[in-house]
Amino acid sequence: MKTMWKSIVRLLALLVSLSFVSPAHAARLHDGERRIVLNGVEHWVRIAGARAGTTPLIIVHGGPGGNVYTYERTIGPQLEKFTTVVYYDQRGSGRSAAPANPSDYTMPTIVADLESLRVALGAERINLLGFSFGGLVAMEYAVRHPERVDRLILQSAPDGDYRRLAAIQTWGFEALATGKQREQIRVLAAQPVDSPMQRMNAVWALADRQAVDRFLFHNQNAAELNRRLWEQSGLSNSGRMAAVVFADENARATPLVDELNRITARTLVLVGRHDRNVGLDMERDLADRIPNATLSILEDSAHFPEMEEPQAYAAAVRAFLKRRSARSKVEPTSAQPQVLAVSMRGIAEQRRYTDQRKGDLAHQSWRMAATGGKRPFSTGKDAAAVQSAPSRSGPPRLKRACPASCRTVRGGPISWR
């Protein structure tokens, strides 16, 4: 009899384990670098953490025209411990080849490359993590292929409104500048944004190396590491992709922000509190417009929280990927707050709150059973006590995710890394 029960238990364990293997990662991936031709252009691709056997997490880098070299050498190894990570450099970027036609960098083409990569990986569904400009690419993909995205992570991502982005960038630099440089930026800020590309080029041209580092990083040690890795890579940004992507003639007929409600994947919007590159307002607006999104603010970082707060960043990504599949929702519930201030201590507080909620619900069920199905505290003194008691509709919050001053937070644009 014991043998039979042991066999049943083993069978159940096998069935449970198989239930976590979805068609999204049915094709077994293997670690290593490779060259894959996507839409006629050879792309550099590297897979790491394949032993995890999870839905592949594709890292979509920023720029436009940047690469994943720094990302894969800083936060990458931590992510590879719990998920399969796919790194790739976009066409004409990093270690990938450039298209024969120098104007072949439109957003639909970049998104088509990403879809071709998914097909080449043999994955029915994928997870996407786009940082900076890469977040914009990831959103465009999720709008066009909602059925292919399981989880979407947007780190310091612009929303596709380049004029807004150019203005945020200008004032972001102005807030950090001094003396003559500040005066020059203020003159520039007073002018209308006729061309987002020209405005961004102009303000970046006014900023020296130190200003750029303060603009992108809260911790200057991280800024120095970023520069060392950039020089070590030997890679450069030709600027061709940015010139095409930001060109007025390639602007969307319908603004991307008006189509974000088509994204069905559970989404995590990550941003550093000191990010002047896109600003907190833009990230908050993204989280508001995407139906199933959560905004997470990392307290001690700017545009690259993966370099300034690697432990908190990795913990946030891991917790997000491990959550159960999301049910469709528009409004946040008390048990699942829409805005979380992510930190190691904040995660611990959230867990304690969840445990406490479970205990409250269990106690409430017991009270209802004891009162013949009536809700507890329904009449008399109990009702008055509930009305006067402090609200417990949300978790304990160590810091406000976005204080009142966030309404006028200044930020800045896409990273040119």
Protein backbone atom coordinates (compact mmCIF):
# COMPACT_ATOMS: atom_id res chain seq x y z
CA MET A 1 0.00 0.00 0.00
CA LYS A 2 2.83 2.40 0.90
CA THR A 3 4.50 1.64 -2.42
CA MET A 4 1.32 2.49 -4.29
CA TRP A 5 0.99 5.83 -2.46
CA LYS A 6 4.62 6.67 -3.17
CA SER A 7 4.01 6.00 -6.85
CA ILE A 8 0.95 8.26 -6.82
CA VAL A 9 2.88 11.04 -5.10
CA ARG A 10 5.71 10.75 -7.67
CA LEU A 11 3.17 10.88 -10.52
CA LEU A 12 1.51 13.97 -9.06
CA ALA A 13 4.89 15.65 -8.62
CA LEU A 14 5.73 14.90 -12.25
CA LEU A 15 2.41 16.34 -13.44
CA VAL A 16 2.94 19.50 -11.38
CA SER A 17 6.43 19.98 -12.80
CA LEU A 18 5.18 19.50 -16.33
CA SER A 19 2.45 22.07 -15.77
CA PHE A 20 5.16 24.74 -15.53
CA VAL A 21 6.56 23.87 -18.96
CA SER A 22 4.57 25.88 -21.46
CA PRO A 23 4.86 26.01 -25.24
CA ALA A 24 6.52 29.40 -24.71
CA HIS A 25 9.78 27.64 -23.99
CA ALA A 26 9.08 24.18 -25.33
CA ALA A 27 12.02 24.50 -27.72
CA ARG A 28 15.15 23.80 -25.66
CA LEU A 29 17.66 26.61 -25.86
CA HIS A 30 21.40 26.29 -25.32
CA ASP A 31 23.87 28.79 -23.90
CA GLY A 32 26.32 30.46 -26.23
CA GLU A 33 26.83 33.12 -28.88
CA ARG A 34 25.55 32.82 -32.41
CA ARG A 35 24.85 34.84 -35.52
CA ILE A 36 21.28 34.84 -36.75
CA VAL A 37 20.09 36.47 -39.97
CA LEU A 38 16.89 38.40 -39.27
CA ASN A 39 15.15 40.02 -42.23
CA GLY A 40 18.34 39.93 -44.29
CA VAL A 41 20.63 41.39 -41.60
CA GLU A 42 23.03 39.32 -39.50
CA HIS A 43 22.41 39.84 -35.76
CA TRP A 44 24.65 38.98 -32.81
CA VAL A 45 22.77 36.88 -30.23
CA ARG A 46 23.84 35.28 -26.94
CA ILE A 47 21.81 32.94 -24.73
CA ALA A 48 22.65 32.45 -21.04
CA GLY A 49 20.89 30.68 -18.17
CA ALA A 50 19.29 28.11 -20.47
CA ARG A 51 19.44 25.55 -17.66
CA ALA A 52 16.59 27.46 -15.97
CA GLY A 53 14.29 26.23 -18.76
CA THR A 54 12.01 29.26 -18.43
CA THR A 55 10.23 31.40 -20.95
CA PRO A 56 13.12 33.31 -22.56
CA LEU A 57 13.64 36.86 -21.33
CA ILE A 58 14.84 38.91 -24.30
CA ILE A 59 16.84 42.01 -23.40
CA VAL A 60 16.07 44.92 -25.74
CA HIS A 61 18.80 47.55 -25.44
CA GLY A 62 18.58 51.32 -25.58
CA GLY A 63 20.17 53.97 -27.73
CA PRO A 64 18.86 54.18 -30.32
CA GLY A 65 21.88 52.36 -31.67
CA GLY A 66 23.33 51.18 -28.35
CA ASN A 67 24.12 47.60 -27.38
CA VAL A 68 23.81 45.08 -24.52
CA TYR A 69 27.55 44.82 -23.77
CA THR A 70 27.39 46.66 -20.43
CA TYR A 71 24.06 45.15 -19.40
CA GLU A 72 25.24 41.58 -19.87
CA ARG A 73 28.35 42.26 -17.77
CA THR A 74 26.66 44.05 -14.88
CA ILE A 75 23.15 42.85 -14.00
CA GLY A 76 23.03 40.04 -16.58
CA PRO A 77 24.72 37.32 -14.47
CA GLN A 78 22.23 37.90 -11.64
CA LEU A 79 19.23 37.48 -13.94
CA GLU A 80 20.75 34.36 -15.48
CA LYS A 81 20.55 32.62 -12.10
CA PHE A 82 16.76 32.38 -12.27
CA THR A 83 15.70 32.80 -15.91
CA THR A 84 16.85 32.11 -19.45
CA VAL A 85 18.22 35.37 -20.85
CA VAL A 86 18.58 36.21 -24.53
CA TYR A 87 20.85 39.14 -25.38
CA TYR A 88 20.95 40.62 -28.87
CA ASP A 89 22.22 43.77 -30.55
CA GLN A 90 19.76 45.44 -32.88
CA ARG A 91 20.55 45.96 -36.57
CA GLY A 92 23.45 48.33 -37.13
CA SER A 93 24.16 48.33 -33.38
CA GLY A 94 26.90 46.80 -31.26
CA ARG A 95 28.13 43.54 -32.75
CA SER A 96 25.34 43.17 -35.31
CA ALA A 97 25.73 44.02 -39.00
CA ALA A 98 24.27 47.17 -40.53
CA PRO A 99 21.61 47.04 -43.25
CA ALA A 100 22.73 47.83 -46.78
CA ASN A 101 20.22 50.67 -46.91
CA PRO A 102 21.21 53.33 -44.30
CA SER A 103 17.56 54.36 -43.94
CA ASP A 104 16.40 50.81 -43.10
CA TYR A 105 16.01 51.51 -39.36
CA THR A 106 12.33 52.31 -39.03
CA MET A 107 10.47 51.16 -35.91
CA PRO A 108 8.33 48.62 -37.81
CA THR A 109 11.55 47.06 -39.17
CA ILE A 110 13.16 46.89 -35.70
CA VAL A 111 10.00 45.28 -34.33
CA ALA A 112 9.94 42.82 -37.25
CA ASP A 113 13.52 41.83 -36.36
CA LEU A 114 12.42 41.08 -32.81
CA GLU A 115 9.55 38.92 -34.05
CA SER A 116 11.94 37.06 -36.35
CA LEU A 117 14.23 36.47 -33.36
CA ARG A 118 11.33 34.93 -31.45
CA VAL A 119 10.64 32.60 -34.35
CA ALA A 120 14.33 31.68 -34.62
CA LEU A 121 14.36 30.80 -30.92
CA GLY A 122 11.37 28.51 -31.40
CA ALA A 123 9.48 30.24 -28.59
CA GLU A 124 5.71 30.54 -28.82
CA ARG A 125 5.73 33.27 -26.17
CA ILE A 126 8.49 35.44 -24.75
CA ASN A 127 9.23 37.80 -21.89
CA LEU A 128 10.64 41.19 -22.83
CA LEU A 129 12.84 43.55 -20.84
CA GLY A 130 13.47 46.81 -22.65
CA PHE A 131 15.64 49.49 -21.10
CA SER A 132 15.54 53.14 -22.20
CA PHE A 133 14.83 53.23 -25.96
CA GLY A 134 14.57 49.43 -25.81
CA GLY A 135 11.46 49.84 -23.68
CA LEU A 136 9.87 51.74 -26.56
CA VAL A 137 10.73 48.89 -28.94
CA ALA A 138 9.29 46.38 -26.46
CA MET A 139 6.02 48.32 -26.20
CA GLU A 140 5.74 48.57 -29.98
CA TYR A 141 6.21 44.81 -30.19
CA ALA A 142 3.65 44.14 -27.43
CA VAL A 143 1.11 46.33 -29.24
CA ARG A 144 1.65 44.53 -32.56
CA HIS A 145 2.00 41.00 -31.12
CA PRO A 146 0.12 40.92 -27.80
CA GLU A 147 -0.42 37.17 -28.03
CA ARG A 148 3.35 36.56 -28.07
CA VAL A 149 4.27 38.43 -24.87
CA ASP A 150 3.92 36.76 -21.50
CA ARG A 151 5.60 39.38 -19.29
CA LEU A 152 6.77 42.88 -20.19
CA ILE A 153 9.37 44.86 -18.21
CA LEU A 154 9.88 48.51 -19.13
CA GLN A 155 12.92 50.15 -17.56
CA SER A 156 13.20 53.93 -17.84
CA ALA A 157 11.28 53.80 -21.12
CA PRO A 158 10.10 56.77 -23.23
CA ASP A 159 6.47 56.79 -24.35
CA GLY A 160 7.03 57.62 -28.02
CA ASP A 161 6.19 61.33 -27.72
CA TYR A 162 9.55 62.67 -28.92
CA ARG A 163 8.64 66.33 -28.51
CA ARG A 164 7.74 65.73 -24.90
CA LEU A 165 10.94 63.75 -24.52
CA ALA A 166 13.05 66.56 -25.99
CA ALA A 167 11.52 69.05 -23.56
CA ILE A 168 12.07 66.75 -20.58
CA GLN A 169 15.67 66.29 -21.67
CA THR A 170 16.27 70.01 -21.97
CA TRP A 171 14.97 70.82 -18.50
CA GLY A 172 16.74 67.81 -17.05
CA PHE A 173 20.09 69.20 -18.12
CA GLU A 174 19.10 72.72 -17.05
CA ALA A 175 18.47 71.51 -13.51
CA LEU A 176 22.05 70.24 -13.25
CA ALA A 177 23.88 72.92 -15.23
CA THR A 178 25.56 76.00 -13.77
CA GLY A 179 26.87 79.31 -15.04
CA LYS A 180 27.11 79.87 -18.77
CA GLN A 181 26.01 76.34 -19.59
CA ARG A 182 22.74 76.85 -17.73
CA GLU A 183 22.13 80.15 -19.53
CA GLN A 184 22.67 78.47 -22.92
CA ILE A 185 20.27 75.65 -22.06
CA ARG A 186 17.63 78.13 -20.90
CA VAL A 187 17.85 79.98 -24.20
CA LEU A 188 17.38 76.65 -25.95
CA ALA A 189 14.45 75.71 -23.70
CA ALA A 190 12.64 78.93 -24.57
CA GLN A 191 12.51 77.94 -28.24
CA PRO A 192 9.74 75.72 -29.64
CA VAL A 193 10.65 72.09 -30.36
CA ASP A 194 10.39 72.08 -34.16
CA SER A 195 12.52 68.96 -34.54
CA PRO A 196 12.95 66.57 -31.58
CA MET A 197 16.14 65.15 -33.08
CA GLN A 198 17.71 68.59 -33.51
CA ARG A 199 16.71 69.65 -30.00
CA MET A 200 18.18 66.53 -28.40
CA ASN A 201 21.39 66.87 -30.39
CA ALA A 202 21.67 70.52 -29.39
CA VAL A 203 21.23 70.01 -25.66
CA TRP A 204 23.59 67.05 -25.55
CA ALA A 205 26.18 69.10 -27.43
CA LEU A 206 26.06 71.69 -24.64
CA ALA A 207 26.70 69.10 -21.92
CA ASP A 208 30.23 68.08 -20.99
CA ARG A 209 31.26 64.64 -19.76
CA GLN A 210 30.63 65.43 -16.09
CA ALA A 211 27.18 66.84 -16.85
CA VAL A 212 26.21 63.73 -18.80
CA ASP A 213 27.36 61.46 -15.97
CA ARG A 214 25.36 63.43 -13.37
CA PHE A 215 22.38 63.41 -15.74
CA LEU A 216 22.35 59.64 -16.21
CA PHE A 217 23.62 58.43 -12.83
CA HIS A 218 22.86 59.18 -9.20
CA ASN A 219 25.96 57.27 -8.11
CA GLN A 220 29.07 58.52 -9.88
CA ASN A 221 30.93 55.25 -9.21
CA ALA A 222 28.38 53.59 -11.49
CA ALA A 223 28.98 56.30 -14.07
CA GLU A 224 32.70 55.56 -14.05
CA LEU A 225 32.04 51.82 -14.40
CA ASN A 226 29.74 52.53 -17.33
CA ARG A 227 32.47 54.51 -19.10
CA ARG A 228 35.10 51.83 -18.45
CA LEU A 229 32.89 49.11 -19.91
CA TRP A 230 31.98 51.30 -22.88
CA GLU A 231 35.65 51.84 -23.68
CA GLN A 232 36.40 48.17 -23.08
CA SER A 233 33.72 47.13 -25.57
CA GLY A 234 35.34 49.02 -28.44
CA LEU A 235 31.82 49.60 -29.80
CA SER A 236 30.33 52.86 -30.99
CA ASN A 237 26.98 54.35 -31.94
CA SER A 238 26.78 55.51 -35.56
CA GLY A 239 23.66 57.62 -34.89
CA ARG A 240 21.98 56.26 -38.02
CA MET A 241 19.16 54.53 -36.16
CA ALA A 242 18.36 57.63 -34.13
CA ALA A 243 18.28 59.79 -37.26
CA VAL A 244 15.68 57.51 -38.84
CA VAL A 245 13.59 56.72 -35.75
CA PHE A 246 13.24 60.37 -34.70
CA ALA A 247 12.60 61.70 -38.22
CA ASP A 248 9.24 63.46 -38.52
CA GLU A 249 8.40 61.58 -41.72
CA ASN A 250 8.63 58.29 -39.80
CA ALA A 251 6.30 59.42 -37.02
CA ARG A 252 3.41 57.14 -36.12
CA ALA A 253 0.02 57.99 -37.62
CA THR A 254 -1.51 57.11 -34.25
CA PRO A 255 0.54 58.02 -31.15
CA LEU A 256 1.80 54.96 -29.31
CA VAL A 257 0.28 56.15 -26.03
CA ASP A 258 -3.16 55.82 -27.63
CA GLU A 259 -2.54 52.13 -28.34
CA LEU A 260 -0.98 51.03 -25.06
CA ASN A 261 -4.36 49.65 -23.96
CA ARG A 262 -3.82 46.88 -26.51
CA ILE A 263 -1.01 45.42 -24.40
CA THR A 264 -2.36 42.35 -22.61
CA ALA A 265 0.81 41.15 -20.86
CA ARG A 266 1.37 41.77 -17.19
CA THR A 267 3.77 44.71 -17.14
CA LEU A 268 6.35 46.06 -14.73
CA VAL A 269 7.46 49.67 -15.18
CA LEU A 270 10.83 50.23 -13.46
CA VAL A 271 12.40 53.64 -12.90
CA GLY A 272 15.00 55.20 -10.63
CA ARG A 273 13.70 58.06 -8.49
CA HIS A 274 16.50 60.35 -9.73
CA ASP A 275 15.95 59.64 -13.45
CA ARG A 276 16.08 62.94 -15.37
CA ASN A 277 16.35 61.14 -18.70
CA VAL A 278 12.69 60.20 -18.97
CA GLY A 279 11.42 61.41 -15.62
CA LEU A 280 8.98 59.91 -13.13
CA ASP A 281 5.92 61.52 -14.72
CA MET A 282 6.40 59.72 -18.03
CA GLU A 283 6.81 56.35 -16.30
CA ARG A 284 3.79 56.93 -14.12
CA ASP A 285 1.76 57.78 -17.21
CA LEU A 286 2.92 54.57 -18.90
CA ALA A 287 1.81 52.52 -15.90
CA ASP A 288 -1.57 54.29 -15.94
CA ARG A 289 -2.14 53.64 -19.64
CA ILE A 290 -1.14 49.97 -19.76
CA PRO A 291 -4.08 47.94 -18.35
CA ASN A 292 -2.13 45.44 -16.26
CA ALA A 293 0.91 47.46 -15.22
CA THR A 294 2.69 48.10 -11.93
CA LEU A 295 5.02 51.05 -11.37
CA SER A 296 8.11 50.34 -9.27
CA ILE A 297 10.44 53.13 -8.19
CA LEU A 298 13.96 52.32 -7.05
CA GLU A 299 15.01 54.88 -4.50
CA ASP A 300 18.77 55.33 -5.00
CA SER A 301 19.29 55.35 -8.76
CA ALA A 302 18.72 57.37 -11.91
CA HIS A 303 18.44 56.15 -15.51
CA PHE A 304 20.34 52.88 -15.00
CA PRO A 305 19.07 51.27 -11.78
CA GLU A 306 20.51 47.91 -12.86
CA MET A 307 23.98 49.37 -12.29
CA GLU A 308 23.24 51.51 -9.24
CA GLU A 309 20.92 49.15 -7.31
CA PRO A 310 21.64 45.70 -8.77
CA GLN A 311 20.30 43.68 -5.84
CA ALA A 312 17.00 45.55 -5.59
CA TYR A 313 16.68 45.52 -9.38
CA ALA A 314 17.27 41.77 -9.69
CA ALA A 315 14.90 41.08 -6.80
CA ALA A 316 12.16 43.15 -8.44
CA VAL A 317 12.57 41.37 -11.79
CA ARG A 318 12.65 37.94 -10.17
CA ALA A 319 9.56 38.57 -8.06
CA PHE A 320 7.70 39.89 -11.09
CA LEU A 321 8.57 36.93 -13.31
CA LYS A 322 7.61 34.44 -10.59
CA ARG A 323 4.12 35.84 -10.04
CA ARG A 324 1.21 33.82 -11.27
CA SER A 325 -0.32 34.76 -14.59
CA ALA A 326 -2.30 37.95 -14.27
CA ARG A 327 -6.05 38.09 -14.48
CA SER A 328 -7.36 40.92 -16.60
CA LYS A 329 -7.73 44.02 -14.45
CA VAL A 330 -7.97 47.73 -14.86
CA GLU A 331 -8.31 48.96 -11.29
CA PRO A 332 -5.83 47.96 -8.58
CA THR A 333 -7.11 45.88 -5.68
CA SER A 334 -6.20 46.33 -2.04
CA ALA A 335 -4.20 43.11 -2.08
CA GLN A 336 -2.36 44.07 -5.29
CA PRO A 337 -1.40 47.76 -5.07
CA GLN A 338 -0.77 49.51 -8.35
CA VAL A 339 2.32 51.41 -7.17
CA LEU A 340 5.18 49.86 -5.20
CA ALA A 341 8.35 51.54 -4.01
CA VAL A 342 10.81 48.75 -4.59
CA SER A 343 13.69 48.18 -2.22
CA MET A 344 14.94 45.15 -0.35
CA ARG A 345 13.23 46.42 2.79
CA GLY A 346 10.10 47.30 0.84
CA ILE A 347 9.83 43.75 -0.53
CA ALA A 348 10.04 42.37 3.01
CA GLU A 349 7.30 44.79 4.12
CA GLN A 350 5.13 43.68 1.21
CA ARG A 351 5.52 40.02 2.19
CA ARG A 352 4.60 40.79 5.80
CA TYR A 353 1.55 42.67 4.59
CA THR A 354 0.46 39.73 2.40
CA ASP A 355 0.81 37.32 5.33
CA GLN A 356 -1.18 39.69 7.51
CA ARG A 357 -3.93 39.97 4.88
CA LYS A 358 -4.18 36.19 4.71
CA GLY A 359 -4.64 36.11 8.48
CA ASP A 360 -7.27 38.86 8.33
CA LEU A 361 -9.22 37.01 5.65
CA ALA A 362 -9.09 33.76 7.59
CA HIS A 363 -10.30 35.57 10.73
CA GLN A 364 -13.08 37.24 8.76
CA SER A 365 -14.23 33.88 7.39
CA TRP A 366 -14.33 32.49 10.94
CA ARG A 367 -16.37 35.49 12.18
CA MET A 368 -18.85 35.11 9.32
CA ALA A 369 -19.29 31.43 10.13
CA ALA A 370 -19.78 32.27 13.81
CA THR A 371 -22.43 34.91 13.02
CA GLY A 372 -24.44 32.74 10.67
CA GLY A 373 -23.03 34.16 7.48
CA LYS A 374 -23.33 37.84 8.41
CA ARG A 375 -20.38 40.09 7.80
CA PRO A 376 -18.49 40.87 11.01
CA PHE A 377 -18.75 44.36 12.49
CA SER A 378 -22.06 44.88 10.71
CA THR A 379 -23.98 46.77 13.43
CA GLY A 380 -23.67 48.75 16.61
CA LYS A 381 -20.36 49.56 18.24
CA ASP A 382 -18.44 47.29 15.91
CA ALA A 383 -19.61 49.27 12.88
CA ALA A 384 -18.60 52.55 14.49
CA ALA A 385 -15.25 51.08 15.39
CA VAL A 386 -14.63 50.07 11.77
CA GLN A 387 -15.62 53.51 10.45
CA SER A 388 -13.24 55.25 12.83
CA ALA A 389 -10.40 52.74 12.41
CA PRO A 390 -7.45 53.61 10.17
CA SER A 391 -7.73 52.24 6.64
CA ARG A 392 -5.94 48.98 5.85
CA SER A 393 -6.71 48.94 2.15
CA GLY A 394 -3.06 48.84 1.16
CA PRO A 395 0.31 47.60 2.31
CA PRO A 396 2.53 49.53 4.72
CA ARG A 397 4.51 52.03 2.69
CA LEU A 398 7.90 53.15 3.88
CA LYS A 399 8.07 55.94 1.33
CA ARG A 400 5.54 57.40 -1.06
CA ALA A 401 6.17 56.02 -4.52
CA CYS A 402 5.61 59.46 -6.00
CA PRO A 403 5.28 62.43 -3.61
CA ALA A 404 3.28 65.51 -4.46
CA SER A 405 6.40 67.16 -5.86
CA CYS A 406 6.50 64.50 -8.58
CA ARG A 407 3.83 66.43 -10.44
CA THR A 408 6.51 68.79 -11.72
CA VAL A 409 9.48 66.44 -11.80
CA ARG A 410 11.83 67.25 -14.65
CA GLY A 411 13.48 64.46 -16.53
CA GLY A 412 15.33 63.84 -19.74
CA PRO A 413 15.49 61.74 -22.87
CA ILE A 414 16.62 58.49 -24.23
CA SER A 415 20.10 57.37 -23.27
CA TRP A 416 22.67 57.46 -26.03
CA ARG A 417 24.51 54.50 -24.51
